[in-house]
């Protein structure tokens, strides 16, 4: 498949472009480039996620895991202007596009960066993600093992995964790891999984 979109520094020659994200409540024109995930259109899985999830928490820290050029992070930031949204990726070219897109949209409550740019103590009221399934199961599981424990007690992650790329086996793995997981919706070959942190708030 050529160079993976999850390379830290893509070697593909830059070819800037734009895509439109049109939702019932929002319209973004987003800068993209080669060497990142879905640069020619907003991925269908992302659309299914954004059309399906309930409103994000109105405040607190929110996470878009594997943010790319930012369609999910910017949607969260626009829908929850009092929250701080973190867009995390390994692809530095995509992160730069995300920063440009946030500035163009006038959203100052979103931060794009690498994993180490997120303060270690930060816990998230919600995680939304179109995760990088093609990194392979070991790397994907390690990614989720890193970030899901950073949900606040009772916080939820919403993950969109293609059925034919293992959404059902991922749901079983999450359940086996102690993460209560339900299928929120199934559309156009994609499943949206809702994963809840079963921790309880301590008084």
Protein backbone atom coordinates (compact mmCIF):
# COMPACT_ATOMS: atom_id res chain seq x y z
CA UNK A 1 0.00 0.00 0.00
CA UNK A 2 3.02 2.27 -0.29
CA UNK A 3 4.10 4.43 2.60
CA UNK A 4 1.87 4.03 5.63
CA UNK A 5 -0.10 7.06 6.78
CA UNK A 6 1.11 6.30 10.30
CA UNK A 7 4.73 7.14 9.46
CA UNK A 8 6.02 9.89 11.73
CA UNK A 9 7.58 11.91 8.93
CA UNK A 10 5.98 11.04 5.58
CA UNK A 11 8.40 10.85 2.68
CA UNK A 12 5.72 11.36 0.03
CA UNK A 13 6.17 14.68 -1.76
CA UNK A 14 3.79 17.32 -0.45
CA UNK A 15 0.69 17.95 -2.55
CA UNK A 16 -1.69 20.12 -0.51
CA UNK A 17 -5.41 19.80 -1.06
CA UNK A 18 -8.71 20.42 0.69
CA UNK A 19 -11.75 18.34 1.61
CA UNK A 20 -15.14 19.39 2.92
CA UNK A 21 -16.76 17.96 6.03
CA UNK A 22 -20.47 18.76 5.99
CA UNK A 23 -22.52 17.71 9.02
CA UNK A 24 -26.04 18.83 10.00
CA UNK A 25 -24.56 21.36 12.44
CA UNK A 26 -21.12 22.09 10.97
CA UNK A 27 -19.23 22.71 7.75
CA UNK A 28 -15.45 22.64 7.65
CA UNK A 29 -13.12 23.02 4.68
CA UNK A 30 -10.04 21.10 5.76
CA UNK A 31 -6.46 21.31 4.48
CA UNK A 32 -4.92 17.93 3.69
CA UNK A 33 -1.75 16.62 2.05
CA UNK A 34 -0.24 13.41 0.76
CA UNK A 35 1.25 10.95 3.22
CA UNK A 36 -1.67 11.04 5.64
CA UNK A 37 -4.90 9.11 6.13
CA UNK A 38 -7.68 9.74 3.58
CA UNK A 39 -6.35 13.01 2.09
CA UNK A 40 -8.82 13.09 -0.81
CA UNK A 41 -12.07 12.87 1.15
CA UNK A 42 -13.26 12.51 4.72
CA UNK A 43 -13.18 8.78 5.37
CA UNK A 44 -16.59 7.08 5.45
CA UNK A 45 -15.85 5.57 8.86
CA UNK A 46 -15.22 9.04 10.26
CA UNK A 47 -18.53 10.18 8.81
CA UNK A 48 -20.36 7.22 10.36
CA UNK A 49 -18.78 8.02 13.74
CA UNK A 50 -19.64 11.72 13.61
CA UNK A 51 -23.20 10.98 12.49
CA UNK A 52 -23.73 8.41 15.27
CA UNK A 53 -22.13 9.52 18.51
CA UNK A 54 -24.02 11.43 21.20
CA UNK A 55 -22.90 14.96 21.95
CA UNK A 56 -19.47 15.11 23.59
CA UNK A 57 -19.25 16.19 27.24
CA UNK A 58 -19.58 19.98 27.44
CA UNK A 59 -16.36 20.47 29.41
CA UNK A 60 -13.22 18.69 30.53
CA UNK A 61 -10.50 17.15 28.38
CA UNK A 62 -11.54 15.21 25.27
CA UNK A 63 -9.34 13.08 23.02
CA UNK A 64 -9.30 12.29 19.29
CA UNK A 65 -6.92 9.33 19.09
CA UNK A 66 -5.28 9.02 15.66
CA UNK A 67 -6.59 12.43 14.67
CA UNK A 68 -5.03 12.85 11.20
CA UNK A 69 -5.79 16.30 9.85
CA UNK A 70 -8.51 16.80 12.43
CA UNK A 71 -12.12 16.21 11.30
CA UNK A 72 -13.06 14.43 14.54
CA UNK A 73 -11.12 16.74 16.87
CA UNK A 74 -12.54 19.87 15.25
CA UNK A 75 -16.08 18.50 15.47
CA UNK A 76 -15.63 17.81 19.17
CA UNK A 77 -14.14 21.27 19.71
CA UNK A 78 -16.98 23.00 17.90
CA UNK A 79 -19.68 21.01 19.67
CA UNK A 80 -18.09 21.49 23.13
CA UNK A 81 -16.53 24.97 23.10
CA UNK A 82 -15.87 24.89 26.87
CA UNK A 83 -13.86 21.66 26.62
CA UNK A 84 -10.20 21.20 25.70
CA UNK A 85 -9.77 18.75 22.83
CA UNK A 86 -6.51 16.88 22.25
CA UNK A 87 -5.80 15.55 18.77
CA UNK A 88 -3.04 12.92 18.98
CA UNK A 89 -1.24 11.28 16.07
CA UNK A 90 2.24 10.12 15.07
CA UNK A 91 2.12 11.79 11.63
CA UNK A 92 3.67 15.24 11.98
CA UNK A 93 2.48 16.42 8.57
CA UNK A 94 -1.09 15.56 9.51
CA UNK A 95 -0.72 17.33 12.86
CA UNK A 96 0.44 20.50 11.08
CA UNK A 97 -2.63 20.36 8.85
CA UNK A 98 -4.77 19.90 11.96
CA UNK A 99 -3.30 23.03 13.55
CA UNK A 100 -3.92 25.01 10.36
CA UNK A 101 -7.49 23.70 10.20
CA UNK A 102 -8.18 24.68 13.80
CA UNK A 103 -6.91 28.18 13.14
CA UNK A 104 -8.97 28.49 9.95
CA UNK A 105 -12.08 27.35 11.83
CA UNK A 106 -11.45 29.82 14.66
CA UNK A 107 -11.25 27.02 17.25
CA UNK A 108 -8.78 27.81 20.02
CA UNK A 109 -9.81 24.95 22.32
CA UNK A 110 -8.07 22.17 20.38
CA UNK A 111 -4.45 21.04 20.71
CA UNK A 112 -2.76 18.84 18.11
CA UNK A 113 0.36 16.92 19.07
CA UNK A 114 2.27 13.72 19.66
CA UNK A 115 1.56 11.40 22.57
CA UNK A 116 4.28 13.04 24.67
CA UNK A 117 2.73 16.47 24.16
CA UNK A 118 -0.28 15.52 26.31
CA UNK A 119 0.42 16.17 30.01
CA UNK A 120 0.85 12.86 31.79
CA UNK A 121 -1.88 13.45 34.36
CA UNK A 122 -4.57 14.36 31.84
CA UNK A 123 -7.71 12.21 31.98
CA UNK A 124 -10.41 12.36 29.37
CA UNK A 125 -14.16 12.74 29.70
CA UNK A 126 -14.50 11.16 26.24
CA UNK A 127 -12.40 9.59 23.51
CA UNK A 128 -13.53 9.52 19.89
CA UNK A 129 -11.41 7.61 17.41
CA UNK A 130 -11.18 6.15 13.94
CA UNK A 131 -8.23 4.04 15.09
CA UNK A 132 -5.38 2.96 12.80
CA UNK A 133 -6.48 -0.65 12.35
CA UNK A 134 -3.79 -1.32 9.73
CA UNK A 135 -0.99 -0.94 12.25
CA UNK A 136 -1.83 -4.54 13.19
CA UNK A 137 -3.42 -6.04 16.28
CA UNK A 138 -0.42 -5.88 18.64
CA UNK A 139 0.20 -2.19 17.98
CA UNK A 140 -3.54 -1.37 18.06
CA UNK A 141 -4.01 -3.20 21.34
CA UNK A 142 -0.98 -1.42 22.83
CA UNK A 143 -2.44 1.92 21.72
CA UNK A 144 -5.78 1.20 23.37
CA UNK A 145 -4.08 -0.16 26.50
CA UNK A 146 -2.25 3.18 26.74
CA UNK A 147 -5.20 5.52 26.29
CA UNK A 148 -8.38 3.82 27.51
CA UNK A 149 -7.18 3.80 31.15
CA UNK A 150 -6.98 7.58 30.90
CA UNK A 151 -10.76 7.87 30.64
CA UNK A 152 -12.34 9.39 33.73
CA UNK A 153 -14.48 6.98 35.79
CA UNK A 154 -17.61 6.34 33.75
CA UNK A 155 -16.11 8.07 30.70
CA UNK A 156 -16.76 6.60 27.28
CA UNK A 157 -14.72 5.99 24.16
CA UNK A 158 -16.41 5.70 20.77
CA UNK A 159 -14.41 3.75 18.19
CA UNK A 160 -15.38 3.22 14.55
CA UNK A 161 -14.04 0.05 12.93
CA UNK A 162 -14.83 -1.67 9.64
CA UNK A 163 -16.63 -4.96 10.12
CA UNK A 164 -14.31 -6.76 7.70
CA UNK A 165 -11.24 -5.34 9.48
CA UNK A 166 -12.13 -6.94 12.80
CA UNK A 167 -14.67 -4.83 14.67
CA UNK A 168 -16.30 -7.89 16.25
CA UNK A 169 -13.00 -9.42 17.38
CA UNK A 170 -11.94 -6.02 18.76
CA UNK A 171 -15.19 -5.85 20.74
CA UNK A 172 -14.48 -9.28 22.23
CA UNK A 173 -10.90 -8.28 23.07
CA UNK A 174 -12.10 -5.12 24.83
CA UNK A 175 -14.65 -7.10 26.83
CA UNK A 176 -11.99 -9.64 27.80
CA UNK A 177 -9.75 -6.79 29.00
CA UNK A 178 -12.48 -5.59 31.35
CA UNK A 179 -13.88 -2.76 29.21
CA UNK A 180 -17.68 -2.97 28.91
CA UNK A 181 -18.31 -2.51 25.17
CA UNK A 182 -21.52 -2.26 23.20
CA UNK A 183 -22.22 -1.79 19.53
CA UNK A 184 -23.74 1.66 19.17
CA UNK A 185 -24.54 1.39 15.47
CA UNK A 186 -23.71 -0.57 12.34
CA UNK A 187 -23.79 1.21 8.97
CA UNK A 188 -22.14 0.96 5.57
CA UNK A 189 -19.86 -1.85 6.75
CA UNK A 190 -18.72 0.02 9.87
CA UNK A 191 -19.43 -0.56 13.53
CA UNK A 192 -19.29 2.14 16.19
CA UNK A 193 -18.26 0.64 19.51
CA UNK A 194 -19.00 2.41 22.80
CA UNK A 195 -16.45 1.52 25.48
CA UNK A 196 -17.07 2.53 29.09
CA UNK A 197 -14.50 2.93 31.87
CA UNK A 198 -16.04 0.83 34.65
CA UNK A 199 -14.19 2.69 37.42
CA UNK A 200 -16.37 4.43 39.96
CA UNK A 201 -15.78 7.93 41.28
CA UNK A 202 -14.26 7.85 44.75
CA UNK A 203 -15.84 10.23 47.28
